Amino acid sequence: MLARVRRLELARAPALSPFEAMPGGLDGWEAECRAGMDAGYLDAAEVPVVIMAVRRWHRDGCWAP
């Protein structure tokens, strides 16, 4: 019975975002982007916009089927 309940709970669990599978998660990715921006590798005008869009995508669960 417990195994069945566990399977049902896992089936109902929300899908993890790709960022949750990455080491450091979304915050780690953002820190890497900001470090690249500070080092001049990434465009300082675009990075904040991309981070904001990805955070919205992450929050809204747009990756889930």
C-alpha atoms as a PDB file:
ATOM      1  CA  MET A   1       0.000   0.000   0.000  1.00  0.00           C
ATOM      2  CA  LEU A   2       2.797   2.445   0.873  1.00  0.00           C
ATOM      3  CA  ALA A   3       4.533   1.724  -2.425  1.00  0.00           C
ATOM      4  CA  ARG A   4       1.340   2.581  -4.292  1.00  0.00           C
ATOM      5  CA  VAL A   5       0.932   5.850  -2.391  1.00  0.00           C
ATOM      6  CA  ARG A   6       4.572   6.713  -3.107  1.00  0.00           C
ATOM      7  CA  ARG A   7       4.071   6.101  -6.850  1.00  0.00           C
ATOM      8  CA  LEU A   8       0.948   8.284  -6.847  1.00  0.00           C
ATOM      9  CA  GLU A   9       2.776  11.077  -5.032  1.00  0.00           C
ATOM     10  CA  LEU A  10       5.691  10.929  -7.478  1.00  0.00           C
ATOM     11  CA  ALA A  11       3.297  11.052 -10.427  1.00  0.00           C
ATOM     12  CA  ARG A  12       1.696  14.219  -9.023  1.00  0.00           C
ATOM     13  CA  ALA A  13       4.980  15.947  -8.226  1.00  0.00           C
ATOM     14  CA  PRO A  14       5.714  18.927 -10.462  1.00  0.00           C
ATOM     15  CA  ALA A  15       8.388  18.469 -13.089  1.00  0.00           C
ATOM     16  CA  LEU A  16      11.778  19.847 -12.109  1.00  0.00           C
ATOM     17  CA  SER A  17      13.132  22.660 -14.204  1.00  0.00           C
ATOM     18  CA  PRO A  18      16.408  22.058 -16.041  1.00  0.00           C
ATOM     19  CA  PHE A  19      18.007  24.605 -13.706  1.00  0.00           C
ATOM     20  CA  GLU A  20      17.157  22.524 -10.643  1.00  0.00           C
ATOM     21  CA  ALA A  21      19.228  19.673 -12.098  1.00  0.00           C
ATOM     22  CA  MET A  22      22.292  21.888 -12.577  1.00  0.00           C
ATOM     23  CA  PRO A  23      24.926  22.244  -9.847  1.00  0.00           C
ATOM     24  CA  GLY A  24      24.143  25.514  -8.100  1.00  0.00           C
ATOM     25  CA  GLY A  25      20.660  25.686  -9.583  1.00  0.00           C
ATOM     26  CA  LEU A  26      19.207  28.878 -10.960  1.00  0.00           C
ATOM     27  CA  ASP A  27      21.113  31.076  -8.519  1.00  0.00           C
ATOM     28  CA  GLY A  28      24.406  29.485  -9.567  1.00  0.00           C
ATOM     29  CA  TRP A  29      23.606  30.040 -13.238  1.00  0.00           C
ATOM     30  CA  GLU A  30      22.761  33.672 -12.555  1.00  0.00           C
ATOM     31  CA  ALA A  31      26.023  34.134 -10.633  1.00  0.00           C
ATOM     32  CA  GLU A  32      27.966  32.707 -13.594  1.00  0.00           C
ATOM     33  CA  CYS A  33      26.164  35.055 -15.981  1.00  0.00           C
ATOM     34  CA  ARG A  34      26.881  38.075 -13.806  1.00  0.00           C
ATOM     35  CA  ALA A  35      30.543  37.037 -13.478  1.00  0.00           C
ATOM     36  CA  GLY A  36      30.774  36.785 -17.275  1.00  0.00           C
ATOM     37  CA  MET A  37      29.163  40.198 -17.578  1.00  0.00           C
ATOM     38  CA  ASP A  38      31.590  41.698 -15.044  1.00  0.00           C
ATOM     39  CA  ALA A  39      34.534  40.146 -16.890  1.00  0.00           C
ATOM     40  CA  GLY A  40      33.331  41.597 -20.176  1.00  0.00           C
ATOM     41  CA  TYR A  41      32.499  38.265 -21.827  1.00  0.00           C
ATOM     42  CA  LEU A  42      28.761  38.918 -21.887  1.00  0.00           C
ATOM     43  CA  ASP A  43      26.846  42.028 -22.920  1.00  0.00           C
ATOM     44  CA  ALA A  44      25.954  44.071 -19.829  1.00  0.00           C
ATOM     45  CA  ALA A  45      22.803  45.384 -21.510  1.00  0.00           C
ATOM     46  CA  GLU A  46      21.457  41.920 -22.368  1.00  0.00           C
ATOM     47  CA  VAL A  47      22.376  39.799 -19.344  1.00  0.00           C
ATOM     48  CA  PRO A  48      19.848  41.332 -16.896  1.00  0.00           C
ATOM     49  CA  VAL A  49      17.067  40.959 -19.462  1.00  0.00           C
ATOM     50  CA  VAL A  50      17.944  37.308 -20.099  1.00  0.00           C
ATOM     51  CA  ILE A  51      18.164  36.580 -16.368  1.00  0.00           C
ATOM     52  CA  MET A  52      14.772  38.174 -15.780  1.00  0.00           C
ATOM     53  CA  ALA A  53      13.214  36.175 -18.630  1.00  0.00           C
ATOM     54  CA  VAL A  54      14.705  32.885 -17.441  1.00  0.00           C
ATOM     55  CA  ARG A  55      13.581  33.548 -13.862  1.00  0.00           C
ATOM     56  CA  ARG A  56      10.038  34.179 -15.130  1.00  0.00           C
ATOM     57  CA  TRP A  57      10.219  31.015 -17.250  1.00  0.00           C
ATOM     58  CA  HIS A  58      11.458  29.095 -14.212  1.00  0.00           C
ATOM     59  CA  ARG A  59       8.770  30.525 -11.903  1.00  0.00           C
ATOM     60  CA  ASP A  60       5.928  29.881 -14.344  1.00  0.00           C
ATOM     61  CA  GLY A  61       7.043  26.317 -15.110  1.00  0.00           C
ATOM     62  CA  CYS A  62       7.128  26.777 -18.861  1.00  0.00           C
ATOM     63  CA  TRP A  63       9.362  23.700 -19.282  1.00  0.00           C
ATOM     64  CA  ALA A  64       6.706  21.315 -17.903  1.00  0.00           C
ATOM     65  CA  PRO A  65       4.685  19.250 -20.390  1.00  0.00           C
END
